[in-house]
Amino acid sequence: MFILIMIYIINAIFNAILFGIYFDLLVEANRRQNEFQTQIDDANTAMANISLPDQIKENVRNYILQTHETKTQ
């Protein structure tokens, strides 16, 4: 009985550690996504303020997306 209790305690500790690591990874991914979305929003606002043509706006968005994907890889 004592051995089963020890196994359950060790299992609970192990699961808590795994869930903690998983939660930290999710928080970090969410933070990075929010930063990227802020960059896109800032770029869209700046481009709207200076009245860029739609083709140039699309080129700028594509450039930001490509550099972001390259940086994350």
Protein backbone atom coordinates (compact mmCIF):
# COMPACT_ATOMS: atom_id res chain seq x y z
CA MET A 1 0.00 0.00 0.00
CA PHE A 2 2.84 2.37 0.89
CA ILE A 3 4.51 1.74 -2.48
CA LEU A 4 1.29 2.57 -4.36
CA ILE A 5 0.91 5.82 -2.41
CA MET A 6 4.50 6.79 -3.24
CA ILE A 7 3.95 5.97 -6.92
CA TYR A 8 0.79 8.14 -6.98
CA ILE A 9 2.62 11.03 -5.30
CA ILE A 10 5.53 10.81 -7.74
CA ASN A 11 3.09 10.58 -10.64
CA ALA A 12 1.21 13.66 -9.41
CA ILE A 13 4.45 15.64 -9.12
CA PHE A 14 5.56 14.53 -12.57
CA ASN A 15 2.20 15.52 -14.10
CA ALA A 16 2.32 18.91 -12.38
CA ILE A 17 5.79 19.56 -13.82
CA LEU A 18 4.65 18.56 -17.33
CA PHE A 19 1.54 20.74 -17.16
CA GLY A 20 3.66 23.65 -15.91
CA ILE A 21 6.06 23.33 -18.83
CA TYR A 22 3.16 23.02 -21.28
CA PHE A 23 1.47 26.11 -19.83
CA ASP A 24 4.72 28.12 -20.07
CA LEU A 25 5.08 27.16 -23.73
CA LEU A 26 1.50 28.22 -24.46
CA VAL A 27 2.01 31.57 -22.70
CA GLU A 28 5.20 32.21 -24.68
CA ALA A 29 3.54 31.32 -27.99
CA ASN A 30 0.61 33.60 -27.18
CA ARG A 31 2.96 36.45 -26.27
CA ARG A 32 4.84 36.11 -29.55
CA GLN A 33 1.60 36.01 -31.54
CA ASN A 34 0.38 39.15 -29.79
CA GLU A 35 3.65 40.95 -30.56
CA PHE A 36 3.39 40.00 -34.22
CA GLN A 37 -0.24 41.10 -34.40
CA THR A 38 0.77 44.44 -32.85
CA GLN A 39 3.41 44.85 -35.57
CA ILE A 40 0.84 44.17 -38.28
CA ASP A 41 -1.66 46.58 -36.69
CA ASP A 42 0.97 49.32 -36.41
CA ALA A 43 2.01 48.84 -40.03
CA ASN A 44 -1.60 48.91 -41.22
CA THR A 45 -2.27 52.10 -39.25
CA ALA A 46 0.85 53.80 -40.59
CA MET A 47 0.06 52.80 -44.16
CA ALA A 48 -3.51 54.06 -43.83
CA ASN A 49 -2.30 57.35 -42.37
CA ILE A 50 -0.01 58.04 -45.32
CA SER A 51 -2.58 56.76 -47.86
CA LEU A 52 -0.45 54.17 -49.61
CA PRO A 53 -1.88 52.40 -52.65
CA ASP A 54 -3.36 48.96 -52.01
CA GLN A 55 -0.63 47.14 -53.98
CA ILE A 56 2.13 48.66 -51.86
CA LYS A 57 0.20 47.87 -48.68
CA GLU A 58 -0.04 44.25 -49.74
CA ASN A 59 3.69 44.15 -50.56
CA VAL A 60 4.54 45.55 -47.12
CA ARG A 61 2.28 43.00 -45.38
CA ASN A 62 3.87 40.16 -47.37
CA TYR A 63 7.35 41.41 -46.46
CA ILE A 64 6.48 41.57 -42.76
CA LEU A 65 4.97 38.07 -42.89
CA GLN A 66 7.97 36.59 -44.73
CA THR A 67 10.53 38.15 -42.39
CA HIS A 68 8.53 36.98 -39.37
CA GLU A 69 8.35 33.40 -40.67
CA THR A 70 12.08 33.42 -41.51
CA LYS A 71 12.93 34.74 -38.05
CA THR A 72 10.86 32.07 -36.30
CA GLN A 73 12.41 29.28 -38.36
